[in-house]
Structure formats: structure tokens, C-alpha cells
Amino acid sequence: GILIGLATALLLLANGRVAGISGILGGLLRPARGDIAWRVA
């Protein structure tokens, strides 16, 4: 739980992105320029 919390907080603080898997995966279906690398990672 601590690792999940830290990972989600780090993604939000570092990239301004929410770590919701459906949104991350869905963003790859209609990718925007410059928005692919972090999703693939």
C-alpha cells in the first residue's frame, strides 16, 4: 500500500498525471504527441 501510494504521488507530482490504469492505457489508444513515453513506461 505504501509503494502504491508513493508511486501515485510521485507520478502526480512529477508529471501532473493521475495513475489510473484505464486512463493511462486509454491514452495509448488515441495518443497525443509527447504523451506516449510515460504511458508506455
PDB file of all heavy atoms in Angstrom:
ATOM      1  N   GLY A   1       0.819  -1.210   0.000  1.00  0.00           N
ATOM      2  CA  GLY A   1       0.000   0.000   0.000  1.00  0.00           C
ATOM      3  C   GLY A   1       0.854   1.262   0.000  1.00  0.00           C
ATOM      4  O   GLY A   1       0.552   2.236  -0.701  1.00  0.00           O
ATOM      5  N   ILE A   2       1.925   1.240   0.775  1.00  0.00           N
ATOM      6  CA  ILE A   2       2.833   2.398   0.805  1.00  0.00           C
ATOM      7  C   ILE A   2       3.492   2.592  -0.557  1.00  0.00           C
ATOM      8  O   ILE A   2       3.585   3.724  -1.053  1.00  0.00           O
ATOM      9  CB  ILE A   2       3.884   2.230   1.928  1.00  0.00           C
ATOM     10  CG1 ILE A   2       3.202   2.389   3.293  1.00  0.00           C
ATOM     11  CG2 ILE A   2       5.022   3.232   1.769  1.00  0.00           C
ATOM     12  CD1 ILE A   2       4.088   2.017   4.476  1.00  0.00           C
ATOM     13  N   LEU A   3       3.925   1.508  -1.189  1.00  0.00           N
ATOM     14  CA  LEU A   3       4.550   1.626  -2.516  1.00  0.00           C
ATOM     15  C   LEU A   3       3.561   2.163  -3.554  1.00  0.00           C
ATOM     16  O   LEU A   3       3.923   2.999  -4.385  1.00  0.00           O
ATOM     17  CB  LEU A   3       5.099   0.273  -2.963  1.00  0.00           C
ATOM     18  CG  LEU A   3       6.379  -0.186  -2.276  1.00  0.00           C
ATOM     19  CD1 LEU A   3       6.716  -1.618  -2.685  1.00  0.00           C
ATOM     20  CD2 LEU A   3       7.524   0.755  -2.596  1.00  0.00           C
ATOM     21  N   ILE A   4       2.325   1.689  -3.510  1.00  0.00           N
ATOM     22  CA  ILE A   4       1.315   2.189  -4.446  1.00  0.00           C
ATOM     23  C   ILE A   4       1.065   3.675  -4.198  1.00  0.00           C
ATOM     24  O   ILE A   4       1.009   4.474  -5.131  1.00  0.00           O
ATOM     25  CB  ILE A   4       0.004   1.382  -4.332  1.00  0.00           C
ATOM     26  CG1 ILE A   4       0.208  -0.029  -4.883  1.00  0.00           C
ATOM     27  CG2 ILE A   4      -1.143   2.079  -5.053  1.00  0.00           C
ATOM     28  CD1 ILE A   4      -0.939  -0.981  -4.591  1.00  0.00           C
ATOM     29  N   GLY A   5       0.939   4.059  -2.941  1.00  0.00           N
ATOM     30  CA  GLY A   5       0.725   5.464  -2.605  1.00  0.00           C
ATOM     31  C   GLY A   5       1.885   6.344  -3.046  1.00  0.00           C
ATOM     32  O   GLY A   5       1.672   7.426  -3.609  1.00  0.00           O
ATOM     33  N   LEU A   6       3.106   5.893  -2.810  1.00  0.00           N
ATOM     34  CA  LEU A   6       4.274   6.665  -3.233  1.00  0.00           C
ATOM     35  C   LEU A   6       4.353   6.789  -4.752  1.00  0.00           C
ATOM     36  O   LEU A   6       4.659   7.862  -5.282  1.00  0.00           O
ATOM     37  CB  LEU A   6       5.557   6.027  -2.694  1.00  0.00           C
ATOM     38  CG  LEU A   6       5.831   6.215  -1.211  1.00  0.00           C
ATOM     39  CD1 LEU A   6       7.038   5.386  -0.774  1.00  0.00           C
ATOM     40  CD2 LEU A   6       6.039   7.678  -0.877  1.00  0.00           C
ATOM     41  N   ALA A   7       4.076   5.696  -5.443  1.00  0.00           N
ATOM     42  CA  ALA A   7       4.133   5.728  -6.912  1.00  0.00           C
ATOM     43  C   ALA A   7       3.092   6.666  -7.494  1.00  0.00           C
ATOM     44  O   ALA A   7       3.392   7.446  -8.406  1.00  0.00           O
ATOM     45  CB  ALA A   7       3.950   4.315  -7.471  1.00  0.00           C
ATOM     46  N   THR A   8       1.879   6.627  -6.958  1.00  0.00           N
ATOM     47  CA  THR A   8       0.841   7.516  -7.485  1.00  0.00           C
ATOM     48  C   THR A   8       1.139   8.972  -7.154  1.00  0.00           C
ATOM     49  O   THR A   8       0.933   9.859  -7.981  1.00  0.00           O
ATOM     50  CB  THR A   8      -0.554   7.131  -6.964  1.00  0.00           C
ATOM     51  OG1 THR A   8      -0.563   7.164  -5.539  1.00  0.00           O
ATOM     52  CG2 THR A   8      -0.970   5.770  -7.436  1.00  0.00           C
ATOM     53  N   ALA A   9       1.655   9.212  -5.950  1.00  0.00           N
ATOM     54  CA  ALA A   9       2.010  10.588  -5.574  1.00  0.00           C
ATOM     55  C   ALA A   9       3.160  11.100  -6.429  1.00  0.00           C
ATOM     56  O   ALA A   9       3.147  12.256  -6.877  1.00  0.00           O
ATOM     57  CB  ALA A   9       2.382  10.647  -4.093  1.00  0.00           C
ATOM     58  N   LEU A  10       4.147  10.255  -6.676  1.00  0.00           N
ATOM     59  CA  LEU A  10       5.295  10.661  -7.491  1.00  0.00           C
ATOM     60  C   LEU A  10       4.864  10.976  -8.925  1.00  0.00           C
ATOM     61  O   LEU A  10       5.304  11.976  -9.501  1.00  0.00           O
ATOM     62  CB  LEU A  10       6.365   9.561  -7.490  1.00  0.00           C
ATOM     63  CG  LEU A  10       7.649   9.872  -8.231  1.00  0.00           C
ATOM     64  CD1 LEU A  10       8.351  11.070  -7.615  1.00  0.00           C
ATOM     65  CD2 LEU A  10       8.567   8.663  -8.199  1.00  0.00           C
ATOM     66  N   LEU A  11       4.003  10.155  -9.507  1.00  0.00           N
ATOM     67  CA  LEU A  11       3.528  10.420 -10.864  1.00  0.00           C
ATOM     68  C   LEU A  11       2.742  11.732 -10.916  1.00  0.00           C
ATOM     69  O   LEU A  11       2.913  12.535 -11.839  1.00  0.00           O
ATOM     70  CB  LEU A  11       2.664   9.265 -11.379  1.00  0.00           C
ATOM     71  CG  LEU A  11       2.194   9.386 -12.823  1.00  0.00           C
ATOM     72  CD1 LEU A  11       3.368   9.396 -13.795  1.00  0.00           C
ATOM     73  CD2 LEU A  11       1.246   8.240 -13.165  1.00  0.00           C
ATOM     74  N   LEU A  12       1.921  11.974  -9.916  1.00  0.00           N
ATOM     75  CA  LEU A  12       1.139  13.212  -9.888  1.00  0.00           C
ATOM     76  C   LEU A  12       2.039  14.432  -9.697  1.00  0.00           C
ATOM     77  O   LEU A  12       1.896  15.436 -10.388  1.00  0.00           O
ATOM     78  CB  LEU A  12       0.082  13.146  -8.777  1.00  0.00           C
ATOM     79  CG  LEU A  12      -0.882  14.328  -8.707  1.00  0.00           C
ATOM     80  CD1 LEU A  12      -1.701  14.438  -9.989  1.00  0.00           C
ATOM     81  CD2 LEU A  12      -1.813  14.165  -7.519  1.00  0.00           C
ATOM     82  N   LEU A  13       2.993  14.333  -8.778  1.00  0.00           N
ATOM     83  CA  LEU A  13       3.877  15.470  -8.510  1.00  0.00           C
ATOM     84  C   LEU A  13       4.867  15.724  -9.641  1.00  0.00           C
ATOM     85  O   LEU A  13       5.144  16.869  -9.987  1.00  0.00           O
ATOM     86  CB  LEU A  13       4.626  15.249  -7.196  1.00  0.00           C
ATOM     87  CG  LEU A  13       3.769  15.278  -5.934  1.00  0.00           C
ATOM     88  CD1 LEU A  13       4.585  14.852  -4.725  1.00  0.00           C
ATOM     89  CD2 LEU A  13       3.153  16.644  -5.730  1.00  0.00           C
ATOM     90  N   ALA A  14       5.411  14.650 -10.216  1.00  0.00           N
ATOM     91  CA  ALA A  14       6.441  14.802 -11.252  1.00  0.00           C
ATOM     92  C   ALA A  14       5.857  15.116 -12.628  1.00  0.00           C
ATOM     93  O   ALA A  14       6.433  15.900 -13.382  1.00  0.00           O
ATOM     94  CB  ALA A  14       7.297  13.536 -11.327  1.00  0.00           C
ATOM     95  N   ASN A  15       4.726  14.501 -12.957  1.00  0.00           N
ATOM     96  CA  ASN A  15       4.166  14.652 -14.306  1.00  0.00           C
ATOM     97  C   ASN A  15       2.801  15.331 -14.339  1.00  0.00           C
ATOM     98  O   ASN A  15       2.272  15.591 -15.419  1.00  0.00           O
ATOM     99  CB  ASN A  15       4.012  13.281 -14.981  1.00  0.00           C
ATOM    100  CG  ASN A  15       5.332  12.663 -15.334  1.00  0.00           C
ATOM    101  OD1 ASN A  15       6.376  13.241 -15.115  1.00  0.00           O
ATOM    102  ND2 ASN A  15       5.291  11.472 -15.896  1.00  0.00           N
ATOM    103  N   GLY A  16       2.206  15.521 -13.172  1.00  0.00           N
ATOM    104  CA  GLY A  16       0.861  16.086 -13.143  1.00  0.00           C
ATOM    105  C   GLY A  16      -0.182  15.119 -13.674  1.00  0.00           C
ATOM    106  O   GLY A  16      -1.250  15.522 -14.112  1.00  0.00           O
ATOM    107  N   ARG A  17       0.130  13.827 -13.650  1.00  0.00           N
ATOM    108  CA  ARG A  17      -0.764  12.796 -14.188  1.00  0.00           C
ATOM    109  C   ARG A  17      -1.298  11.911 -13.074  1.00  0.00           C
ATOM    110  O   ARG A  17      -0.620  11.640 -12.098  1.00  0.00           O
ATOM    111  CB  ARG A  17      -0.016  11.897 -15.183  1.00  0.00           C
ATOM    112  CG  ARG A  17       0.645  12.629 -16.298  1.00  0.00           C
ATOM    113  CD  ARG A  17      -0.372  13.244 -17.189  1.00  0.00           C
ATOM    114  NE  ARG A  17       0.266  13.829 -18.358  1.00  0.00           N
ATOM    115  CZ  ARG A  17      -0.384  14.339 -19.355  1.00  0.00           C
ATOM    116  NH1 ARG A  17      -1.685  14.347 -19.350  1.00  0.00           N
ATOM    117  NH2 ARG A  17       0.249  14.857 -20.364  1.00  0.00           N
ATOM    118  N   VAL A  18      -2.516  11.432 -13.255  1.00  0.00           N
ATOM    119  CA  VAL A  18      -3.148  10.523 -12.312  1.00  0.00           C
ATOM    120  C   VAL A  18      -2.825   9.098 -12.736  1.00  0.00           C
ATOM    121  O   VAL A  18      -2.919   8.759 -13.918  1.00  0.00           O
ATOM    122  CB  VAL A  18      -4.673  10.757 -12.280  1.00  0.00           C
ATOM    123  CG1 VAL A  18      -5.360   9.760 -11.379  1.00  0.00           C
ATOM    124  CG2 VAL A  18      -4.967  12.177 -11.820  1.00  0.00           C
ATOM    125  N   ALA A  19      -2.487   8.253 -11.780  1.00  0.00           N
ATOM    126  CA  ALA A  19      -2.067   6.881 -12.074  1.00  0.00           C
ATOM    127  C   ALA A  19      -3.248   5.924 -12.187  1.00  0.00           C
ATOM    128  O   ALA A  19      -3.229   4.837 -11.625  1.00  0.00           O
ATOM    129  CB  ALA A  19      -1.089   6.391 -10.998  1.00  0.00           C
ATOM    130  N   GLY A  20      -4.264   6.302 -12.916  1.00  0.00           N
ATOM    131  CA  GLY A  20      -5.389   5.403 -13.176  1.00  0.00           C
ATOM    132  C   GLY A  20      -5.079   4.576 -14.408  1.00  0.00           C
ATOM    133  O   GLY A  20      -4.875   5.122 -15.499  1.00  0.00           O
ATOM    134  N   ILE A  21      -5.015   3.282 -14.269  1.00  0.00           N
ATOM    135  CA  ILE A  21      -4.563   2.412 -15.360  1.00  0.00           C
ATOM    136  C   ILE A  21      -5.480   2.501 -16.568  1.00  0.00           C
ATOM    137  O   ILE A  21      -5.018   2.480 -17.716  1.00  0.00           O
ATOM    138  CB  ILE A  21      -4.387   0.952 -14.886  1.00  0.00           C
ATOM    139  CG1 ILE A  21      -3.721   0.108 -15.958  1.00  0.00           C
ATOM    140  CG2 ILE A  21      -5.701   0.339 -14.466  1.00  0.00           C
ATOM    141  CD1 ILE A  21      -2.335   0.535 -16.298  1.00  0.00           C
ATOM    142  N   SER A  22      -6.785   2.636 -16.344  1.00  0.00           N
ATOM    143  CA  SER A  22      -7.685   2.714 -17.501  1.00  0.00           C
ATOM    144  C   SER A  22      -7.422   3.988 -18.299  1.00  0.00           C
ATOM    145  O   SER A  22      -7.463   3.977 -19.530  1.00  0.00           O
ATOM    146  CB  SER A  22      -9.143   2.630 -17.061  1.00  0.00           C
ATOM    147  OG  SER A  22      -9.453   3.668 -16.160  1.00  0.00           O
ATOM    148  N   GLY A  23      -7.127   5.082 -17.615  1.00  0.00           N
ATOM    149  CA  GLY A  23      -6.811   6.325 -18.315  1.00  0.00           C
ATOM    150  C   GLY A  23      -5.460   6.276 -19.008  1.00  0.00           C
ATOM    151  O   GLY A  23      -5.294   6.799 -20.119  1.00  0.00           O
ATOM    152  N   ILE A  24      -4.499   5.636 -18.354  1.00  0.00           N
ATOM    153  CA  ILE A  24      -3.160   5.526 -18.950  1.00  0.00           C
ATOM    154  C   ILE A  24      -3.221   4.662 -20.203  1.00  0.00           C
ATOM    155  O   ILE A  24      -2.704   5.038 -21.258  1.00  0.00           O
ATOM    156  CB  ILE A  24      -2.154   4.963 -17.927  1.00  0.00           C
ATOM    157  CG1 ILE A  24      -1.934   5.983 -16.809  1.00  0.00           C
ATOM    158  CG2 ILE A  24      -0.835   4.599 -18.599  1.00  0.00           C
ATOM    159  CD1 ILE A  24      -1.134   5.450 -15.639  1.00  0.00           C
ATOM    160  N   LEU A  25      -3.863   3.517 -20.107  1.00  0.00           N
ATOM    161  CA  LEU A  25      -3.979   2.623 -21.255  1.00  0.00           C
ATOM    162  C   LEU A  25      -4.859   3.252 -22.336  1.00  0.00           C
ATOM    163  O   LEU A  25      -4.527   3.199 -23.525  1.00  0.00           O
ATOM    164  CB  LEU A  25      -4.543   1.271 -20.821  1.00  0.00           C
ATOM    165  CG  LEU A  25      -4.577   0.175 -21.863  1.00  0.00           C
ATOM    166  CD1 LEU A  25      -3.179  -0.098 -22.405  1.00  0.00           C
ATOM    167  CD2 LEU A  25      -5.164  -1.091 -21.282  1.00  0.00           C
ATOM    168  N   GLY A  26      -5.956   3.882 -21.931  1.00  0.00           N
ATOM    169  CA  GLY A  26      -6.841   4.533 -22.888  1.00  0.00           C
ATOM    170  C   GLY A  26      -6.145   5.642 -23.654  1.00  0.00           C
ATOM    171  O   GLY A  26      -6.422   5.872 -24.830  1.00  0.00           O
ATOM    172  N   GLY A  27      -5.207   6.329 -23.011  1.00  0.00           N
ATOM    173  CA  GLY A  27      -4.447   7.380 -23.676  1.00  0.00           C
ATOM    174  C   GLY A  27      -3.539   6.857 -24.770  1.00  0.00           C
ATOM    175  O   GLY A  27      -3.138   7.609 -25.661  1.00  0.00           O
ATOM    176  N   LEU A  28      -3.213   5.578 -24.707  1.00  0.00           N
ATOM    177  CA  LEU A  28      -2.396   4.972 -25.770  1.00  0.00           C
ATOM    178  C   LEU A  28      -3.236   4.614 -26.996  1.00  0.00           C
ATOM    179  O   LEU A  28      -2.692   4.433 -28.080  1.00  0.00           O
ATOM    180  CB  LEU A  28      -1.679   3.715 -25.258  1.00  0.00           C
ATOM    181  CG  LEU A  28      -0.498   3.968 -24.338  1.00  0.00           C
ATOM    182  CD1 LEU A  28       0.041   2.652 -23.790  1.00  0.00           C
ATOM    183  CD2 LEU A  28       0.597   4.730 -25.053  1.00  0.00           C
ATOM    184  N   LEU A  29      -4.537   4.508 -26.818  1.00  0.00           N
ATOM    185  CA  LEU A  29      -5.403   4.171 -27.948  1.00  0.00           C
ATOM    186  C   LEU A  29      -5.565   5.354 -28.898  1.00  0.00           C
ATOM    187  O   LEU A  29      -5.738   5.168 -30.089  1.00  0.00           O
ATOM    188  CB  LEU A  29      -6.765   3.685 -27.449  1.00  0.00           C
ATOM    189  CG  LEU A  29      -6.733   2.435 -26.572  1.00  0.00           C
ATOM    190  CD1 LEU A  29      -8.128   2.086 -26.091  1.00  0.00           C
ATOM    191  CD2 LEU A  29      -6.102   1.271 -27.318  1.00  0.00           C
ATOM    192  N   ARG A  30      -5.534   6.555 -28.343  1.00  0.00           N
ATOM    193  CA  ARG A  30      -5.562   7.795 -29.141  1.00  0.00           C
ATOM    194  C   ARG A  30      -4.429   8.682 -28.644  1.00  0.00           C
ATOM    195  O   ARG A  30      -4.651   9.656 -27.931  1.00  0.00           O
ATOM    196  CB  ARG A  30      -6.904   8.505 -28.984  1.00  0.00           C
ATOM    197  CG  ARG A  30      -7.991   7.831 -29.767  1.00  0.00           C
ATOM    198  CD  ARG A  30      -9.266   8.651 -29.735  1.00  0.00           C
ATOM    199  NE  ARG A  30     -10.240   7.837 -28.983  1.00  0.00           N
ATOM    200  CZ  ARG A  30     -11.143   8.332 -28.185  1.00  0.00           C
ATOM    201  NH1 ARG A  30     -11.237   9.611 -27.994  1.00  0.00           N
ATOM    202  NH2 ARG A  30     -11.975   7.551 -27.572  1.00  0.00           N
ATOM    203  N   PRO A  31      -3.186   8.330 -28.989  1.00  0.00           N
ATOM    204  CA  PRO A  31      -2.037   9.034 -28.398  1.00  0.00           C
ATOM    205  C   PRO A  31      -1.898  10.473 -28.881  1.00  0.00           C
ATOM    206  O   PRO A  31      -2.170  10.797 -30.030  1.00  0.00           O
ATOM    207  CB  PRO A  31      -0.841   8.201 -28.846  1.00  0.00           C
ATOM    208  CG  PRO A  31      -1.300   7.487 -30.065  1.00  0.00           C
ATOM    209  CD  PRO A  31      -2.777   7.290 -29.925  1.00  0.00           C
ATOM    210  N   ALA A  32      -1.466  11.322 -27.959  1.00  0.00           N
ATOM    211  CA  ALA A  32      -1.150  12.711 -28.278  1.00  0.00           C
ATOM    212  C   ALA A  32       0.374  12.838 -28.343  1.00  0.00           C
ATOM    213  O   ALA A  32       1.098  12.120 -27.648  1.00  0.00           O
ATOM    214  CB  ALA A  32      -1.708  13.641 -27.213  1.00  0.00           C
ATOM    215  N   ARG A  33       0.849  13.745 -29.147  1.00  0.00           N
ATOM    216  CA  ARG A  33       2.287  13.953 -29.293  1.00  0.00           C
ATOM    217  C   ARG A  33       2.897  14.300 -27.932  1.00  0.00           C
ATOM    218  O   ARG A  33       2.384  15.131 -27.202  1.00  0.00           O
ATOM    219  CB  ARG A  33       2.553  15.071 -30.279  1.00  0.00           C
ATOM    220  CG  ARG A  33       4.021  15.299 -30.564  1.00  0.00           C
ATOM    221  CD  ARG A  33       4.228  16.434 -31.529  1.00  0.00           C
ATOM    222  NE  ARG A  33       3.562  16.200 -32.803  1.00  0.00           N
ATOM    223  CZ  ARG A  33       4.184  15.728 -33.876  1.00  0.00           C
ATOM    224  NH1 ARG A  33       5.460  15.455 -33.829  1.00  0.00           N
ATOM    225  NH2 ARG A  33       3.528  15.537 -34.999  1.00  0.00           N
ATOM    226  N   GLY A  34       3.999  13.638 -27.603  1.00  0.00           N
ATOM    227  CA  GLY A  34       4.696  13.886 -26.349  1.00  0.00           C
ATOM    228  C   GLY A  34       4.039  13.257 -25.130  1.00  0.00           C
ATOM    229  O   GLY A  34       4.454  13.519 -24.010  1.00  0.00           O
ATOM    230  N   ASP A  35       3.020  12.454 -25.349  1.00  0.00           N
ATOM    231  CA  ASP A  35       2.274  11.875 -24.237  1.00  0.00           C
ATOM    232  C   ASP A  35       2.333  10.346 -24.241  1.00  0.00           C
ATOM    233  O   ASP A  35       1.570   9.702 -23.543  1.00  0.00           O
ATOM    234  CB  ASP A  35       0.806  12.340 -24.331  1.00  0.00           C
ATOM    235  CG  ASP A  35       0.060  12.151 -23.035  1.00  0.00           C
ATOM    236  OD1 ASP A  35       0.645  12.390 -21.964  1.00  0.00           O
ATOM    237  OD2 ASP A  35      -1.125  11.763 -23.093  1.00  0.00           O
ATOM    238  N   ILE A  36       3.241   9.800 -25.021  1.00  0.00           N
ATOM    239  CA  ILE A  36       3.278   8.344 -25.177  1.00  0.00           C
ATOM    240  C   ILE A  36       4.315   7.686 -24.271  1.00  0.00           C
ATOM    241  O   ILE A  36       4.040   6.660 -23.651  1.00  0.00           O
ATOM    242  CB  ILE A  36       3.557   7.974 -26.647  1.00  0.00           C
ATOM    243  CG1 ILE A  36       2.417   8.491 -27.525  1.00  0.00           C
ATOM    244  CG2 ILE A  36       3.717   6.478 -26.823  1.00  0.00           C
ATOM    245  CD1 ILE A  36       2.674   8.359 -29.007  1.00  0.00           C
ATOM    246  N   ALA A  37       5.506   8.271 -24.160  1.00  0.00           N
ATOM    247  CA  ALA A  37       6.625   7.621 -23.477  1.00  0.00           C
ATOM    248  C   ALA A  37       6.304   7.258 -22.033  1.00  0.00           C
ATOM    249  O   ALA A  37       6.563   6.126 -21.607  1.00  0.00           O
ATOM    250  CB  ALA A  37       7.864   8.507 -23.541  1.00  0.00           C
ATOM    251  N   TRP A  38       5.740   8.169 -21.271  1.00  0.00           N
ATOM    252  CA  TRP A  38       5.472   7.867 -19.873  1.00  0.00           C
ATOM    253  C   TRP A  38       4.395   6.802 -19.733  1.00  0.00           C
ATOM    254  O   TRP A  38       4.441   5.981 -18.816  1.00  0.00           O
ATOM    255  CB  TRP A  38       5.117   9.134 -19.089  1.00  0.00           C
ATOM    256  CG  TRP A  38       3.735   9.655 -19.334  1.00  0.00           C
ATOM    257  CD1 TRP A  38       3.347  10.552 -20.285  1.00  0.00           C
ATOM    258  CD2 TRP A  38       2.554   9.293 -18.617  1.00  0.00           C
ATOM    259  NE1 TRP A  38       1.996  10.772 -20.207  1.00  0.00           N
ATOM    260  CE2 TRP A  38       1.478  10.023 -19.183  1.00  0.00           C
ATOM    261  CE3 TRP A  38       2.296   8.443 -17.555  1.00  0.00           C
ATOM    262  CZ2 TRP A  38       0.175   9.915 -18.727  1.00  0.00           C
ATOM    263  CZ3 TRP A  38       0.996   8.334 -17.102  1.00  0.00           C
ATOM    264  CH2 TRP A  38      -0.057   9.063 -17.680  1.00  0.00           C
ATOM    265  N   ARG A  39       3.431   6.809 -20.660  1.00  0.00           N
ATOM    266  CA  ARG A  39       2.375   5.790 -20.619  1.00  0.00           C
ATOM    267  C   ARG A  39       2.950   4.400 -20.910  1.00  0.00           C
ATOM    268  O   ARG A  39       2.623   3.428 -20.230  1.00  0.00           O
ATOM    269  CB  ARG A  39       1.266   6.129 -21.613  1.00  0.00           C
ATOM    270  CG  ARG A  39       0.482   7.372 -21.248  1.00  0.00           C
ATOM    271  CD  ARG A  39      -0.559   7.706 -22.329  1.00  0.00           C
ATOM    272  NE  ARG A  39      -1.172   8.984 -22.119  1.00  0.00           N
ATOM    273  CZ  ARG A  39      -2.249   9.188 -21.351  1.00  0.00           C
ATOM    274  NH1 ARG A  39      -2.822   8.184 -20.757  1.00  0.00           N
ATOM    275  NH2 ARG A  39      -2.736  10.405 -21.212  1.00  0.00           N
ATOM    276  N   VAL A  40       3.804   4.316 -21.931  1.00  0.00           N
ATOM    277  CA  VAL A  40       4.439   3.038 -22.274  1.00  0.00           C
ATOM    278  C   VAL A  40       5.320   2.565 -21.118  1.00  0.00           C
ATOM    279  O   VAL A  40       5.318   1.381 -20.768  1.00  0.00           O
ATOM    280  CB  VAL A  40       5.247   3.166 -23.587  1.00  0.00           C
ATOM    281  CG1 VAL A  40       6.099   1.942 -23.826  1.00  0.00           C
ATOM    282  CG2 VAL A  40       4.297   3.409 -24.759  1.00  0.00           C
ATOM    283  N   ALA A  41       6.066   3.479 -20.501  1.00  0.00           N
ATOM    284  CA  ALA A  41       6.926   3.115 -19.366  1.00  0.00           C
ATOM    285  C   ALA A  41       6.081   2.581 -18.207  1.00  0.00           C
ATOM    286  O   ALA A  41       6.457   1.584 -17.568  1.00  0.00           O
ATOM    287  CB  ALA A  41       7.752   4.321 -18.925  1.00  0.00           C
TER     288      ALA A  41
END
